[in-house]
Amino acid sequence: MANPSIYLEIDASELQDKVNALKAVVTPERFNQIMYSIFQRTGGHVKMILRKDLPHEYHVKAGQISSAVGNAKMTSSAGGLGCTIPIRDSRGSIGGRYSASGGAHGWNSLRRKYRVKGRVVKAGVSTLPATMSSYGGQPPFRNLGSKLGGLTFTRAGKRRFPIKKVVGIAIPQMPMNRSEAEVQKDILEYMKQRIEHEFMRAMRV
């Protein structure tokens, strides 16, 4: 499974006035140094924010989040100031990263009727579709008697093989979905505090 990279984009336009105020009281060289420091600090702090915010909505561990988050980069355009954070991670398997229920032993896993359920979001248990149209139109199954019995698979077609692992949401998608509002708010608040701190320090010089 490929590990797609997604860039978490933070619209920091609302901080532009504070940035302009800081720019007015320091030299251009010092301003560039300060902004670089702010975005470096923000990049490091984003891991802490995501570690705190994402588990509010998803069944994901803090260590998994930390390893997925890269360093932040400052962006500037006619539209205003911004920040991008690369997040790279593969989609978690149902029955692996995300716990699952439902299944049977041996050939009964393919013959018996049951529904596979996964715990992906904190809002409740997700029941997988009776047929996985995005994989090949066959039912999901869990062979509890095999060494991979915890994982959920589906056939790619009507033949016995190949089979495909059934996966849930990846970490890069989480701050774009249910956690978006909380993540954006917390990152902007941290950036705001850093800019205000640097402004007050510049005024004391």
N, C-alpha and C. Protein backbone atom coordinates (compact mmCIF):
# COMPACT_ATOMS: atom_id res chain seq x y z
N MET A 1 0.85 -1.20 0.00
CA MET A 1 0.00 0.00 0.00
C MET A 1 0.89 1.24 0.00
N ALA A 2 0.65 2.12 -0.96
CA ALA A 2 1.46 3.33 -1.07
C ALA A 2 1.18 4.28 0.08
N ASN A 3 2.18 5.11 0.39
CA ASN A 3 2.03 6.11 1.44
C ASN A 3 1.86 7.48 0.79
N PRO A 4 0.62 7.92 0.58
CA PRO A 4 0.42 9.20 -0.09
C PRO A 4 0.79 10.37 0.81
N SER A 5 1.33 11.44 0.21
CA SER A 5 1.63 12.65 0.96
C SER A 5 0.51 13.66 0.73
N ILE A 6 0.03 14.23 1.79
CA ILE A 6 -0.97 15.29 1.72
C ILE A 6 -0.42 16.48 2.47
N TYR A 7 -0.60 17.67 1.91
CA TYR A 7 -0.12 18.87 2.58
C TYR A 7 -1.28 19.54 3.30
N LEU A 8 -1.15 19.60 4.61
CA LEU A 8 -2.14 20.29 5.43
C LEU A 8 -1.90 21.79 5.28
N GLU A 9 -2.85 22.49 4.69
CA GLU A 9 -2.70 23.92 4.43
C GLU A 9 -3.45 24.73 5.48
N ILE A 10 -2.73 25.65 6.09
CA ILE A 10 -3.31 26.51 7.11
C ILE A 10 -3.44 27.92 6.55
N ASP A 11 -4.65 28.42 6.47
CA ASP A 11 -4.88 29.79 5.99
C ASP A 11 -4.62 30.74 7.16
N ALA A 12 -3.47 31.41 7.09
CA ALA A 12 -3.08 32.30 8.18
C ALA A 12 -3.33 33.76 7.83
N SER A 13 -4.23 34.00 6.90
CA SER A 13 -4.50 35.37 6.44
C SER A 13 -4.97 36.27 7.58
N GLU A 14 -5.69 35.71 8.53
CA GLU A 14 -6.21 36.52 9.62
C GLU A 14 -5.09 37.04 10.53
N LEU A 15 -3.90 36.47 10.38
CA LEU A 15 -2.76 36.93 11.17
C LEU A 15 -1.92 37.98 10.44
N GLN A 16 -2.34 38.36 9.23
CA GLN A 16 -1.54 39.25 8.41
C GLN A 16 -1.28 40.59 9.08
N ASP A 17 -2.28 41.15 9.77
CA ASP A 17 -2.09 42.43 10.46
C ASP A 17 -1.02 42.33 11.54
N LYS A 18 -1.02 41.22 12.26
CA LYS A 18 0.00 41.03 13.31
C LYS A 18 1.38 40.87 12.68
N VAL A 19 1.44 40.17 11.55
CA VAL A 19 2.72 40.01 10.86
C VAL A 19 3.22 41.36 10.36
N ASN A 20 2.32 42.17 9.82
CA ASN A 20 2.70 43.50 9.32
C ASN A 20 3.20 44.39 10.45
N ALA A 21 2.56 44.29 11.62
CA ALA A 21 2.99 45.09 12.78
C ALA A 21 4.40 44.69 13.21
N LEU A 22 4.66 43.40 13.19
CA LEU A 22 6.00 42.91 13.54
C LEU A 22 7.03 43.39 12.51
N LYS A 23 6.65 43.31 11.26
CA LYS A 23 7.56 43.70 10.18
C LYS A 23 7.95 45.17 10.27
N ALA A 24 7.04 45.98 10.82
CA ALA A 24 7.28 47.42 10.89
C ALA A 24 8.27 47.82 11.97
N VAL A 25 8.56 46.92 12.93
CA VAL A 25 9.41 47.31 14.06
C VAL A 25 10.77 46.60 14.06
N VAL A 26 11.04 45.78 13.03
CA VAL A 26 12.34 45.11 12.95
C VAL A 26 12.91 45.27 11.54
N THR A 27 14.18 44.99 11.39
CA THR A 27 14.81 45.07 10.08
C THR A 27 14.32 43.91 9.20
N PRO A 28 14.43 44.07 7.88
CA PRO A 28 14.00 42.97 7.00
C PRO A 28 14.73 41.66 7.29
N GLU A 29 16.02 41.74 7.59
CA GLU A 29 16.78 40.53 7.89
C GLU A 29 16.26 39.86 9.16
N ARG A 30 16.02 40.70 10.18
CA ARG A 30 15.52 40.16 11.44
C ARG A 30 14.11 39.60 11.27
N PHE A 31 13.30 40.25 10.47
CA PHE A 31 11.94 39.78 10.22
C PHE A 31 11.96 38.39 9.59
N ASN A 32 12.82 38.21 8.61
CA ASN A 32 12.91 36.91 7.94
C ASN A 32 13.36 35.83 8.91
N GLN A 33 14.30 36.19 9.80
CA GLN A 33 14.77 35.23 10.80
C GLN A 33 13.63 34.85 11.75
N ILE A 34 12.89 35.85 12.18
CA ILE A 34 11.79 35.61 13.12
C ILE A 34 10.72 34.71 12.48
N MET A 35 10.33 35.04 11.24
CA MET A 35 9.28 34.26 10.60
C MET A 35 9.73 32.82 10.35
N TYR A 36 11.00 32.67 9.99
CA TYR A 36 11.52 31.31 9.80
C TYR A 36 11.43 30.53 11.11
N SER A 37 11.80 31.19 12.21
CA SER A 37 11.73 30.55 13.51
C SER A 37 10.30 30.19 13.89
N ILE A 38 9.37 31.10 13.61
CA ILE A 38 7.97 30.86 13.94
C ILE A 38 7.44 29.63 13.21
N PHE A 39 7.75 29.54 11.94
CA PHE A 39 7.24 28.42 11.16
C PHE A 39 7.95 27.11 11.50
N GLN A 40 9.21 27.20 11.88
CA GLN A 40 9.90 26.00 12.34
C GLN A 40 9.28 25.50 13.64
N ARG A 41 9.03 26.43 14.55
CA ARG A 41 8.40 26.06 15.82
C ARG A 41 6.99 25.51 15.59
N THR A 42 6.27 26.15 14.67
CA THR A 42 4.91 25.70 14.36
C THR A 42 4.93 24.27 13.83
N GLY A 43 5.88 24.00 12.93
CA GLY A 43 5.99 22.65 12.39
C GLY A 43 6.19 21.61 13.46
N GLY A 44 7.05 21.92 14.43
CA GLY A 44 7.27 20.99 15.53
C GLY A 44 6.05 20.85 16.42
N HIS A 45 5.35 21.97 16.60
CA HIS A 45 4.19 21.96 17.50
C HIS A 45 2.97 21.32 16.86
N VAL A 46 2.91 21.30 15.53
CA VAL A 46 1.78 20.68 14.85
C VAL A 46 1.64 19.22 15.25
N LYS A 47 2.76 18.54 15.44
CA LYS A 47 2.69 17.15 15.88
C LYS A 47 1.95 17.04 17.19
N MET A 48 2.24 17.95 18.12
CA MET A 48 1.58 17.92 19.41
C MET A 48 0.09 18.22 19.27
N ILE A 49 -0.23 19.16 18.38
CA ILE A 49 -1.64 19.51 18.17
C ILE A 49 -2.41 18.33 17.58
N LEU A 50 -1.84 17.69 16.56
CA LEU A 50 -2.51 16.56 15.94
C LEU A 50 -2.60 15.37 16.90
N ARG A 51 -1.54 15.18 17.69
CA ARG A 51 -1.57 14.10 18.69
C ARG A 51 -2.72 14.31 19.69
N LYS A 52 -3.01 15.57 19.97
CA LYS A 52 -4.09 15.90 20.91
C LYS A 52 -5.47 15.87 20.24
N ASP A 53 -5.56 16.44 19.03
CA ASP A 53 -6.86 16.65 18.40
C ASP A 53 -7.41 15.43 17.66
N LEU A 54 -6.58 14.74 16.91
CA LEU A 54 -7.10 13.65 16.08
C LEU A 54 -7.75 12.52 16.89
N PRO A 55 -7.17 12.13 18.05
CA PRO A 55 -7.83 11.07 18.83
C PRO A 55 -9.18 11.47 19.41
N HIS A 56 -9.54 12.75 19.35
CA HIS A 56 -10.88 13.14 19.77
C HIS A 56 -11.93 12.57 18.83
N GLU A 57 -11.57 12.40 17.56
CA GLU A 57 -12.52 11.95 16.54
C GLU A 57 -12.23 10.55 16.00
N TYR A 58 -10.96 10.12 16.06
CA TYR A 58 -10.57 8.86 15.42
C TYR A 58 -9.84 7.93 16.39
N HIS A 59 -9.92 6.64 16.11
CA HIS A 59 -9.16 5.65 16.88
C HIS A 59 -7.76 5.58 16.28
N VAL A 60 -6.87 6.43 16.74
CA VAL A 60 -5.51 6.50 16.24
C VAL A 60 -4.58 6.81 17.41
N LYS A 61 -3.38 6.25 17.37
CA LYS A 61 -2.44 6.43 18.47
C LYS A 61 -1.51 7.60 18.23
N ALA A 62 -1.07 8.22 19.32
CA ALA A 62 -0.21 9.40 19.24
C ALA A 62 1.08 9.11 18.49
N GLY A 63 1.69 7.94 18.72
CA GLY A 63 2.93 7.61 18.05
C GLY A 63 2.77 7.48 16.54
N GLN A 64 1.64 6.97 16.10
CA GLN A 64 1.36 6.86 14.67
C GLN A 64 1.25 8.25 14.03
N ILE A 65 0.67 9.17 14.77
CA ILE A 65 0.51 10.54 14.26
C ILE A 65 1.87 11.22 14.15
N SER A 66 2.69 11.09 15.16
CA SER A 66 4.01 11.74 15.16
C SER A 66 4.86 11.32 13.97
N SER A 67 4.86 10.03 13.67
CA SER A 67 5.70 9.54 12.58
C SER A 67 5.19 9.96 11.21
N ALA A 68 3.93 10.41 11.13
CA ALA A 68 3.35 10.78 9.84
C ALA A 68 3.55 12.25 9.49
N VAL A 69 3.87 13.10 10.48
CA VAL A 69 3.89 14.55 10.27
C VAL A 69 5.30 15.05 9.96
N GLY A 70 5.42 15.83 8.87
CA GLY A 70 6.70 16.42 8.49
C GLY A 70 6.84 17.84 8.97
N ASN A 71 7.85 18.55 8.46
CA ASN A 71 8.13 19.93 8.86
C ASN A 71 7.27 20.94 8.11
N ALA A 72 6.87 21.98 8.79
CA ALA A 72 6.03 23.02 8.19
C ALA A 72 6.85 23.93 7.28
N LYS A 73 6.17 24.49 6.29
CA LYS A 73 6.80 25.46 5.39
C LYS A 73 5.91 26.69 5.27
N MET A 74 6.55 27.84 5.25
CA MET A 74 5.83 29.09 5.10
C MET A 74 5.50 29.33 3.63
N THR A 75 4.30 29.83 3.36
CA THR A 75 3.92 30.21 2.00
C THR A 75 3.41 31.64 2.01
N SER A 76 3.65 32.33 0.93
CA SER A 76 3.18 33.71 0.81
C SER A 76 2.76 33.95 -0.63
N SER A 77 1.58 34.51 -0.81
CA SER A 77 1.07 34.79 -2.15
C SER A 77 0.18 36.02 -2.08
N ALA A 78 -0.41 36.35 -3.23
CA ALA A 78 -1.31 37.50 -3.27
C ALA A 78 -2.50 37.30 -2.34
N GLY A 79 -2.83 36.01 -2.08
CA GLY A 79 -3.95 35.72 -1.20
C GLY A 79 -3.63 35.87 0.27
N GLY A 80 -2.34 36.01 0.60
CA GLY A 80 -1.97 36.20 2.00
C GLY A 80 -0.98 35.17 2.48
N LEU A 81 -0.81 35.16 3.78
CA LEU A 81 0.17 34.30 4.44
C LEU A 81 -0.42 32.91 4.66
N GLY A 82 0.43 31.90 4.56
CA GLY A 82 -0.06 30.55 4.78
C GLY A 82 1.03 29.65 5.32
N CYS A 83 0.63 28.42 5.61
CA CYS A 83 1.55 27.44 6.15
C CYS A 83 1.14 26.07 5.63
N THR A 84 2.10 25.25 5.20
CA THR A 84 1.80 23.90 4.75
C THR A 84 2.61 22.90 5.56
N ILE A 85 1.95 21.81 5.94
CA ILE A 85 2.60 20.76 6.72
C ILE A 85 2.40 19.43 5.98
N PRO A 86 3.48 18.77 5.54
CA PRO A 86 3.31 17.48 4.86
C PRO A 86 2.99 16.36 5.85
N ILE A 87 2.02 15.53 5.49
CA ILE A 87 1.64 14.39 6.32
C ILE A 87 1.62 13.16 5.41
N ARG A 88 2.38 12.14 5.79
CA ARG A 88 2.52 10.97 4.93
C ARG A 88 2.20 9.71 5.73
N ASP A 89 1.25 8.91 5.20
CA ASP A 89 0.86 7.70 5.93
C ASP A 89 0.00 6.83 5.03
N SER A 90 0.09 5.53 5.16
CA SER A 90 -0.78 4.61 4.43
C SER A 90 -2.10 4.45 5.17
N ARG A 91 -3.11 4.01 4.48
CA ARG A 91 -4.43 3.83 5.09
C ARG A 91 -4.40 2.63 6.02
N GLY A 92 -4.98 2.79 7.21
CA GLY A 92 -4.95 1.74 8.22
C GLY A 92 -5.92 0.61 7.90
N SER A 93 -5.49 -0.62 8.15
CA SER A 93 -6.31 -1.78 7.84
C SER A 93 -7.41 -1.98 8.89
N ILE A 94 -8.56 -2.51 8.41
CA ILE A 94 -9.66 -2.85 9.31
C ILE A 94 -9.33 -4.21 9.94
N GLY A 95 -9.14 -4.21 11.22
CA GLY A 95 -8.69 -5.41 11.91
C GLY A 95 -7.23 -5.35 12.28
N GLY A 96 -6.53 -4.30 11.79
CA GLY A 96 -5.14 -4.07 12.14
C GLY A 96 -5.06 -2.82 12.98
N ARG A 97 -4.79 -1.68 12.34
CA ARG A 97 -4.81 -0.40 13.08
C ARG A 97 -6.17 -0.17 13.72
N TYR A 98 -7.22 -0.47 12.96
CA TYR A 98 -8.58 -0.27 13.46
C TYR A 98 -9.16 -1.63 13.86
N SER A 99 -9.54 -1.77 15.12
CA SER A 99 -10.07 -3.04 15.59
C SER A 99 -11.37 -3.38 14.86
N ALA A 100 -11.65 -4.66 14.71
CA ALA A 100 -12.81 -5.12 13.95
C ALA A 100 -13.51 -6.26 14.67
N SER A 101 -14.76 -6.50 14.28
CA SER A 101 -15.53 -7.63 14.78
C SER A 101 -16.26 -8.25 13.60
N GLY A 102 -16.71 -9.48 13.78
CA GLY A 102 -17.36 -10.21 12.71
C GLY A 102 -16.36 -11.08 11.99
N GLY A 103 -16.80 -12.23 11.55
CA GLY A 103 -15.91 -13.16 10.86
C GLY A 103 -16.26 -14.59 11.21
N ALA A 104 -15.52 -15.51 10.63
CA ALA A 104 -15.74 -16.93 10.88
C ALA A 104 -14.43 -17.67 10.61
N HIS A 105 -14.42 -18.96 10.94
CA HIS A 105 -13.22 -19.76 10.77
C HIS A 105 -13.23 -20.50 9.43
N GLY A 106 -12.07 -20.56 8.81
CA GLY A 106 -11.90 -21.34 7.60
C GLY A 106 -12.82 -20.92 6.47
N TRP A 107 -13.36 -21.92 5.76
CA TRP A 107 -14.23 -21.62 4.62
C TRP A 107 -15.54 -20.95 5.04
N ASN A 108 -15.91 -21.10 6.31
CA ASN A 108 -17.13 -20.44 6.77
C ASN A 108 -17.01 -18.92 6.68
N SER A 109 -15.77 -18.40 6.67
CA SER A 109 -15.58 -16.95 6.55
C SER A 109 -16.08 -16.44 5.21
N LEU A 110 -16.16 -17.34 4.22
CA LEU A 110 -16.66 -16.96 2.90
C LEU A 110 -18.10 -17.40 2.68
N ARG A 111 -18.53 -18.43 3.39
CA ARG A 111 -19.86 -19.01 3.16
C ARG A 111 -20.93 -18.46 4.09
N ARG A 112 -20.54 -18.22 5.34
CA ARG A 112 -21.52 -17.78 6.34
C ARG A 112 -21.84 -16.30 6.16
N LYS A 113 -23.07 -15.92 6.43
CA LYS A 113 -23.47 -14.53 6.33
C LYS A 113 -23.20 -13.81 7.66
N TYR A 114 -22.46 -12.73 7.61
CA TYR A 114 -22.17 -11.90 8.77
C TYR A 114 -21.74 -10.53 8.27
N ARG A 115 -21.68 -9.57 9.13
CA ARG A 115 -21.24 -8.22 8.76
C ARG A 115 -19.98 -7.88 9.53
N VAL A 116 -19.00 -7.37 8.82
CA VAL A 116 -17.75 -6.93 9.46
C VAL A 116 -17.92 -5.49 9.94
N LYS A 117 -17.52 -5.24 11.16
CA LYS A 117 -17.60 -3.90 11.73
C LYS A 117 -16.22 -3.44 12.17
N GLY A 118 -15.94 -2.17 11.97
CA GLY A 118 -14.65 -1.61 12.36
C GLY A 118 -14.80 -0.39 13.24
N ARG A 119 -13.84 -0.19 14.12
CA ARG A 119 -13.84 0.99 14.99
C ARG A 119 -12.82 1.98 14.44
N VAL A 120 -13.31 2.92 13.64
CA VAL A 120 -12.47 3.92 12.99
C VAL A 120 -12.68 5.29 13.61
N VAL A 121 -13.94 5.69 13.73
CA VAL A 121 -14.27 7.00 14.31
C VAL A 121 -14.82 6.81 15.71
N LYS A 122 -14.60 7.80 16.56
CA LYS A 122 -15.05 7.71 17.95
C LYS A 122 -16.56 7.83 18.06
N ALA A 123 -17.21 8.33 17.00
CA ALA A 123 -18.66 8.55 17.05
C ALA A 123 -19.44 7.23 17.08
N GLY A 124 -18.82 6.13 16.69
CA GLY A 124 -19.52 4.85 16.72
C GLY A 124 -18.83 3.82 15.87
N VAL A 125 -19.38 2.62 15.87
CA VAL A 125 -18.83 1.51 15.09
C VAL A 125 -19.30 1.63 13.65
N SER A 126 -18.40 1.41 12.70
CA SER A 126 -18.73 1.48 11.28
C SER A 126 -18.95 0.07 10.73
N THR A 127 -20.11 -0.15 10.12
CA THR A 127 -20.42 -1.43 9.50
C THR A 127 -20.03 -1.38 8.04
N LEU A 128 -19.17 -2.30 7.61
CA LEU A 128 -18.74 -2.33 6.21
C LEU A 128 -19.90 -2.71 5.31
N PRO A 129 -19.90 -2.23 4.06
CA PRO A 129 -20.96 -2.60 3.12
C PRO A 129 -21.00 -4.11 2.90
N ALA A 130 -22.17 -4.63 2.52
CA ALA A 130 -22.31 -6.06 2.25
C ALA A 130 -21.43 -6.48 1.08
N THR A 131 -21.23 -5.58 0.11
CA THR A 131 -20.30 -5.81 -0.99
C THR A 131 -19.42 -4.58 -1.14
N MET A 132 -18.15 -4.80 -1.42
CA MET A 132 -17.17 -3.72 -1.49
C MET A 132 -17.03 -3.26 -2.94
N SER A 133 -17.88 -2.33 -3.34
CA SER A 133 -17.93 -1.91 -4.74
C SER A 133 -16.62 -1.25 -5.19
N SER A 134 -15.92 -0.58 -4.28
CA SER A 134 -14.68 0.11 -4.66
C SER A 134 -13.50 -0.85 -4.78
N TYR A 135 -13.68 -2.12 -4.37
CA TYR A 135 -12.60 -3.10 -4.43
C TYR A 135 -12.81 -4.15 -5.53
N GLY A 136 -14.07 -4.45 -5.84
CA GLY A 136 -14.34 -5.52 -6.81
C GLY A 136 -15.74 -6.09 -6.70
N GLY A 137 -16.52 -5.51 -5.79
CA GLY A 137 -17.92 -5.90 -5.68
C GLY A 137 -18.20 -7.17 -4.91
N GLN A 138 -17.21 -7.66 -4.14
CA GLN A 138 -17.39 -8.88 -3.35
C GLN A 138 -17.50 -8.52 -1.87
N PRO A 139 -18.06 -9.43 -1.05
CA PRO A 139 -18.21 -9.14 0.38
C PRO A 139 -16.86 -9.08 1.10
N PRO A 140 -16.78 -8.33 2.18
CA PRO A 140 -15.58 -8.38 3.03
C PRO A 140 -15.63 -9.65 3.88
N PHE A 141 -14.46 -10.16 4.26
CA PHE A 141 -14.45 -11.35 5.10
C PHE A 141 -13.26 -11.31 6.04
N ARG A 142 -13.38 -12.02 7.16
CA ARG A 142 -12.30 -12.20 8.12
C ARG A 142 -12.22 -13.68 8.46
N ASN A 143 -11.12 -14.31 8.10
CA ASN A 143 -10.90 -15.72 8.41
C ASN A 143 -10.22 -15.80 9.77
N LEU A 144 -11.00 -16.04 10.79
CA LEU A 144 -10.48 -16.01 12.16
C LEU A 144 -9.56 -17.19 12.46
N GLY A 145 -9.54 -18.19 11.60
CA GLY A 145 -8.70 -19.34 11.83
C GLY A 145 -7.32 -19.22 11.21
N SER A 146 -7.08 -18.16 10.43
CA SER A 146 -5.79 -18.01 9.77
C SER A 146 -4.88 -17.13 10.62
N LYS A 147 -3.59 -17.10 10.26
CA LYS A 147 -2.64 -16.28 11.02
C LYS A 147 -2.88 -14.81 10.79
N LEU A 148 -3.66 -14.45 9.76
CA LEU A 148 -4.04 -13.05 9.51
C LEU A 148 -5.51 -12.83 9.83
N GLY A 149 -6.02 -13.64 10.74
CA GLY A 149 -7.45 -13.62 11.04
C GLY A 149 -8.00 -12.30 11.53
N GLY A 150 -7.12 -11.45 12.06
CA GLY A 150 -7.62 -10.17 12.54
C GLY A 150 -7.92 -9.19 11.44
N LEU A 151 -7.31 -9.40 10.26
CA LEU A 151 -7.44 -8.45 9.17
C LEU A 151 -8.67 -8.75 8.31
N THR A 152 -9.17 -7.72 7.67
CA THR A 152 -10.34 -7.84 6.79
C THR A 152 -9.87 -7.82 5.34
N PHE A 153 -10.38 -8.76 4.55
CA PHE A 153 -10.05 -8.84 3.14
C PHE A 153 -11.32 -8.89 2.30
N THR A 154 -11.17 -8.71 1.01
CA THR A 154 -12.24 -8.95 0.06
C THR A 154 -11.61 -9.44 -1.23
N ARG A 155 -12.35 -10.19 -2.00
CA ARG A 155 -11.84 -10.66 -3.28
C ARG A 155 -11.94 -9.56 -4.32
N ALA A 156 -10.94 -9.54 -5.21
CA ALA A 156 -10.92 -8.54 -6.28
C ALA A 156 -11.95 -8.87 -7.35
N GLY A 157 -12.43 -10.09 -7.39
CA GLY A 157 -13.43 -10.52 -8.36
C GLY A 157 -14.11 -11.78 -7.85
N LYS A 158 -14.74 -12.54 -8.74
CA LYS A 158 -15.46 -13.75 -8.32
C LYS A 158 -14.53 -14.93 -8.08
N ARG A 159 -13.32 -14.87 -8.59
CA ARG A 159 -12.35 -15.95 -8.36
C ARG A 159 -11.83 -15.91 -6.92
N ARG A 160 -11.23 -17.02 -6.52
CA ARG A 160 -10.72 -17.12 -5.14
C ARG A 160 -9.63 -16.09 -4.88
N PHE A 161 -8.75 -15.89 -5.85
CA PHE A 161 -7.69 -14.90 -5.75
C PHE A 161 -7.71 -14.01 -6.98
N PRO A 162 -7.17 -12.79 -6.90
CA PRO A 162 -6.48 -12.20 -5.74
C PRO A 162 -7.45 -11.64 -4.71
N ILE A 163 -6.92 -11.43 -3.52
CA ILE A 163 -7.70 -10.77 -2.48
C ILE A 163 -7.02 -9.45 -2.12
N LYS A 164 -7.80 -8.53 -1.58
CA LYS A 164 -7.28 -7.21 -1.21
C LYS A 164 -7.61 -6.92 0.24
N LYS A 165 -6.68 -6.26 0.91
CA LYS A 165 -6.90 -5.85 2.29
C LYS A 165 -7.86 -4.66 2.32
N VAL A 166 -8.82 -4.70 3.21
CA VAL A 166 -9.79 -3.60 3.36
C VAL A 166 -9.25 -2.59 4.37
N VAL A 167 -9.21 -1.34 3.97
CA VAL A 167 -8.58 -0.31 4.81
C VAL A 167 -9.56 0.82 5.13
N GLY A 168 -9.21 1.57 6.17
CA GLY A 168 -9.98 2.74 6.56
C GLY A 168 -9.22 4.01 6.23
N ILE A 169 -9.57 5.08 6.88
CA ILE A 169 -9.00 6.39 6.61
C ILE A 169 -7.52 6.44 7.02
N ALA A 170 -6.74 7.22 6.27
CA ALA A 170 -5.33 7.43 6.61
C ALA A 170 -5.19 8.68 7.47
N ILE A 171 -4.10 8.77 8.21
CA ILE A 171 -3.87 9.92 9.08
C ILE A 171 -3.90 11.25 8.32
N PRO A 172 -3.33 11.35 7.09
CA PRO A 172 -3.38 12.64 6.39
C PRO A 172 -4.79 13.13 6.09
N GLN A 173 -5.75 12.23 6.03
CA GLN A 173 -7.12 12.63 5.74
C GLN A 173 -7.87 13.14 6.97
N MET A 174 -7.39 12.77 8.15
CA MET A 174 -8.12 13.10 9.38
C MET A 174 -8.25 14.60 9.63
N PRO A 175 -7.13 15.39 9.52
CA PRO A 175 -7.28 16.84 9.77
C PRO A 175 -8.00 17.56 8.65
N MET A 176 -8.36 16.86 7.58
CA MET A 176 -9.14 17.46 6.50
C MET A 176 -10.63 17.16 6.64
N ASN A 177 -10.97 16.28 7.58
CA ASN A 177 -12.35 15.84 7.71
C ASN A 177 -12.92 16.20 9.08
N ARG A 178 -13.20 15.22 9.91
CA ARG A 178 -13.87 15.47 11.18
C ARG A 178 -13.07 16.37 12.12
N SER A 179 -11.74 16.33 12.03
CA SER A 179 -10.89 17.10 12.94
C SER A 179 -10.50 18.46 12.39
N GLU A 180 -10.98 18.81 11.21
CA GLU A 180 -10.48 20.01 10.53
C GLU A 180 -10.64 21.29 11.35
N ALA A 181 -11.82 21.57 11.85
CA ALA A 181 -12.06 22.82 12.56
C ALA A 181 -11.17 22.94 13.79
N GLU A 182 -11.05 21.89 14.56
CA GLU A 182 -10.25 21.93 15.80
C GLU A 182 -8.77 22.10 15.48
N VAL A 183 -8.29 21.38 14.47
CA VAL A 183 -6.88 21.47 14.10
C VAL A 183 -6.53 22.86 13.59
N GLN A 184 -7.33 23.41 12.70
CA GLN A 184 -7.06 24.74 12.15
C GLN A 184 -7.05 25.78 13.26
N LYS A 185 -8.01 25.70 14.16
CA LYS A 185 -8.10 26.67 15.26
C LYS A 185 -6.86 26.61 16.15
N ASP A 186 -6.44 25.41 16.51
CA ASP A 186 -5.32 25.27 17.44
C ASP A 186 -3.98 25.68 16.80
N ILE A 187 -3.80 25.39 15.51
CA ILE A 187 -2.56 25.81 14.85
C ILE A 187 -2.50 27.32 14.71
N LEU A 188 -3.60 27.94 14.32
CA LEU A 188 -3.63 29.40 14.19
C LEU A 188 -3.40 30.07 15.54
N GLU A 189 -3.95 29.51 16.59
CA GLU A 189 -3.78 30.09 17.91
C GLU A 189 -2.32 30.03 18.34
N TYR A 190 -1.66 28.93 18.04
CA TYR A 190 -0.24 28.81 18.39
C TYR A 190 0.59 29.83 17.60
N MET A 191 0.32 29.96 16.29
CA MET A 191 1.05 30.92 15.47
C MET A 191 0.82 32.35 15.96
N LYS A 192 -0.40 32.64 16.33
CA LYS A 192 -0.74 33.96 16.85
C LYS A 192 0.07 34.26 18.12
N GLN A 193 0.16 33.29 19.01
CA GLN A 193 0.92 33.49 20.25
C GLN A 193 2.40 33.72 19.96
N ARG A 194 2.96 33.00 19.00
CA ARG A 194 4.38 33.16 18.67
C ARG A 194 4.65 34.54 18.07
N ILE A 195 3.76 34.99 17.18
CA ILE A 195 3.94 36.32 16.56
C ILE A 195 3.84 37.42 17.62
N GLU A 196 2.86 37.30 18.50
CA GLU A 196 2.70 38.30 19.56
C GLU A 196 3.90 38.30 20.49
N HIS A 197 4.44 37.13 20.78
CA HIS A 197 5.63 37.02 21.63
C HIS A 197 6.81 37.73 20.98
N GLU A 198 7.01 37.48 19.69
CA GLU A 198 8.14 38.10 18.98
C GLU A 198 7.95 39.61 18.86
N PHE A 199 6.71 40.07 18.70
CA PHE A 199 6.44 41.50 18.61
C PHE A 199 6.78 42.19 19.93
N MET A 200 6.34 41.60 21.05
CA MET A 200 6.61 42.20 22.35
C MET A 200 8.11 42.20 22.65
N ARG A 201 8.80 41.16 22.23
CA ARG A 201 10.23 41.11 22.46
C ARG A 201 10.95 42.18 21.63
N ALA A 202 10.49 42.39 20.39
CA ALA A 202 11.08 43.41 19.53
C ALA A 202 10.86 44.81 20.10
N MET A 203 9.71 45.01 20.72
CA MET A 203 9.39 46.33 21.28
C MET A 203 10.22 46.64 22.51
N ARG A 204 10.72 45.60 23.19
CA ARG A 204 11.51 45.82 24.39
C ARG A 204 12.96 46.12 24.07
N VAL A 205 13.39 45.86 22.84
CA VAL A 205 14.80 46.08 22.48
C VAL A 205 15.09 47.57 22.37
